[in-house]
């Protein structure tokens, strides 16, 4: 049991550092996204943007671009996500610019990621 708790606390510490560096992670995703969707805007959304994330939360990153299709296949999405981040704690949201106008209230608050 003690070894299990020690591993659990190591994981929590790793995640604390992950969230301490959330903007660095988001900037890395932003740089990669610009190579794929040169016209994109990138934001941190979800529990982190709301200030209520926990150490077990993921980091939601929203990418808005006209080059993102309004409808896309799961395979296309997975391919893009693999190119954007290899960290399974990063949750990528891809939204077409026109479609974003319809759903933007779902992505509030937003923290803009700037280079």
Protein backbone atom coordinates (compact mmCIF):
# COMPACT_ATOMS: atom_id res chain seq x y z
CA UNK A 1 0.00 0.00 0.00
CA UNK A 2 2.80 2.43 0.79
CA UNK A 3 4.40 1.93 -2.62
CA UNK A 4 1.03 2.60 -4.26
CA UNK A 5 0.65 5.87 -2.34
CA UNK A 6 4.18 6.93 -3.18
CA UNK A 7 3.49 6.33 -6.88
CA UNK A 8 0.21 8.24 -6.60
CA UNK A 9 1.96 11.24 -5.02
CA UNK A 10 4.69 11.12 -7.71
CA UNK A 11 1.97 11.26 -10.34
CA UNK A 12 0.28 14.20 -8.59
CA UNK A 13 3.60 16.06 -8.45
CA UNK A 14 4.18 15.38 -12.16
CA UNK A 15 0.71 16.74 -12.94
CA UNK A 16 1.27 19.80 -10.72
CA UNK A 17 4.35 20.61 -12.79
CA UNK A 18 2.34 19.98 -15.97
CA UNK A 19 -0.25 22.59 -14.96
CA UNK A 20 2.42 25.00 -13.74
CA UNK A 21 3.73 24.86 -17.31
CA UNK A 22 0.34 24.84 -19.05
CA UNK A 23 1.07 27.95 -21.11
CA UNK A 24 4.39 26.49 -22.29
CA UNK A 25 2.57 23.33 -23.39
CA UNK A 26 -0.12 25.40 -25.10
CA UNK A 27 2.53 27.45 -26.95
CA UNK A 28 4.13 24.24 -28.21
CA UNK A 29 0.73 23.14 -29.54
CA UNK A 30 0.19 26.61 -31.01
CA UNK A 31 3.49 26.47 -32.93
CA UNK A 32 2.62 23.06 -34.35
CA UNK A 33 -0.93 24.17 -35.17
CA UNK A 34 0.39 27.18 -37.12
CA UNK A 35 2.33 24.77 -39.35
CA UNK A 36 -0.86 22.84 -40.11
CA UNK A 37 -3.46 25.65 -40.01
CA UNK A 38 -1.53 28.86 -40.65
CA UNK A 39 -4.59 31.05 -39.98
CA UNK A 40 -5.45 29.52 -36.60
CA UNK A 41 -6.21 30.96 -33.19
CA UNK A 42 -5.34 28.89 -30.12
CA UNK A 43 -6.88 29.10 -26.65
CA UNK A 44 -6.79 27.23 -23.37
CA UNK A 45 -10.36 26.39 -22.35
CA UNK A 46 -12.10 24.10 -19.90
CA UNK A 47 -11.39 23.69 -16.21
CA UNK A 48 -7.93 25.28 -16.40
CA UNK A 49 -9.32 28.46 -18.00
CA UNK A 50 -12.10 28.45 -15.41
CA UNK A 51 -9.55 28.18 -12.59
CA UNK A 52 -11.09 24.97 -11.24
CA UNK A 53 -8.78 22.28 -12.62
CA UNK A 54 -7.56 19.47 -10.41
CA UNK A 55 -4.32 17.56 -10.65
CA UNK A 56 -6.28 14.80 -12.38
CA UNK A 57 -7.72 17.18 -15.02
CA UNK A 58 -6.67 17.40 -18.64
CA UNK A 59 -5.60 20.57 -20.43
CA UNK A 60 -8.19 21.55 -23.04
CA UNK A 61 -6.77 23.43 -26.01
CA UNK A 62 -9.10 24.94 -28.60
CA UNK A 63 -7.87 25.53 -32.14
CA UNK A 64 -10.01 27.64 -34.46
CA UNK A 65 -9.24 27.77 -38.17
CA UNK A 66 -10.99 28.16 -41.48
CA UNK A 67 -8.86 25.23 -42.64
CA UNK A 68 -10.53 22.86 -40.19
CA UNK A 69 -13.45 21.16 -41.92
CA UNK A 70 -16.86 21.65 -40.31
CA UNK A 71 -17.24 17.87 -40.32
CA UNK A 72 -14.28 15.56 -40.15
CA UNK A 73 -13.59 11.90 -39.66
CA UNK A 74 -12.24 10.41 -36.45
CA UNK A 75 -9.20 9.23 -38.40
CA UNK A 76 -8.47 12.79 -39.62
CA UNK A 77 -8.90 14.13 -36.07
CA UNK A 78 -6.54 11.49 -34.61
CA UNK A 79 -3.92 12.26 -37.25
CA UNK A 80 -4.02 15.98 -36.44
CA UNK A 81 -3.96 15.42 -32.68
CA UNK A 82 -0.89 13.18 -33.00
CA UNK A 83 0.87 15.99 -34.86
CA UNK A 84 -0.07 18.56 -32.21
CA UNK A 85 0.81 16.78 -28.96
CA UNK A 86 2.05 13.45 -27.71
CA UNK A 87 0.87 14.11 -24.14
CA UNK A 88 -2.36 12.31 -23.31
CA UNK A 89 -3.19 15.01 -20.74
CA UNK A 90 -3.74 17.48 -23.61
CA UNK A 91 -7.26 17.42 -25.04
CA UNK A 92 -7.45 19.09 -28.46
CA UNK A 93 -10.68 20.75 -29.66
CA UNK A 94 -10.73 21.56 -33.39
CA UNK A 95 -13.38 23.99 -34.61
CA UNK A 96 -13.96 25.61 -37.98
CA UNK A 97 -14.04 29.43 -37.81
CA UNK A 98 -17.60 29.67 -39.12
CA UNK A 99 -18.83 26.89 -36.83
CA UNK A 100 -17.15 28.59 -33.86
CA UNK A 101 -19.59 31.50 -34.15
CA UNK A 102 -22.38 29.03 -33.34
CA UNK A 103 -20.65 27.30 -30.43
CA UNK A 104 -18.38 29.93 -28.90
CA UNK A 105 -20.44 30.18 -25.70
CA UNK A 106 -19.43 26.57 -24.99
CA UNK A 107 -15.79 27.65 -24.94
CA UNK A 108 -15.91 30.35 -22.30
CA UNK A 109 -13.76 31.43 -20.61
CA UNK A 110 -10.83 31.30 -23.01
CA UNK A 111 -7.17 32.12 -22.44
CA UNK A 112 -5.54 33.16 -25.69
CA UNK A 113 -2.25 31.49 -26.46
CA UNK A 114 0.15 33.95 -28.01
CA UNK A 115 3.67 33.12 -29.23
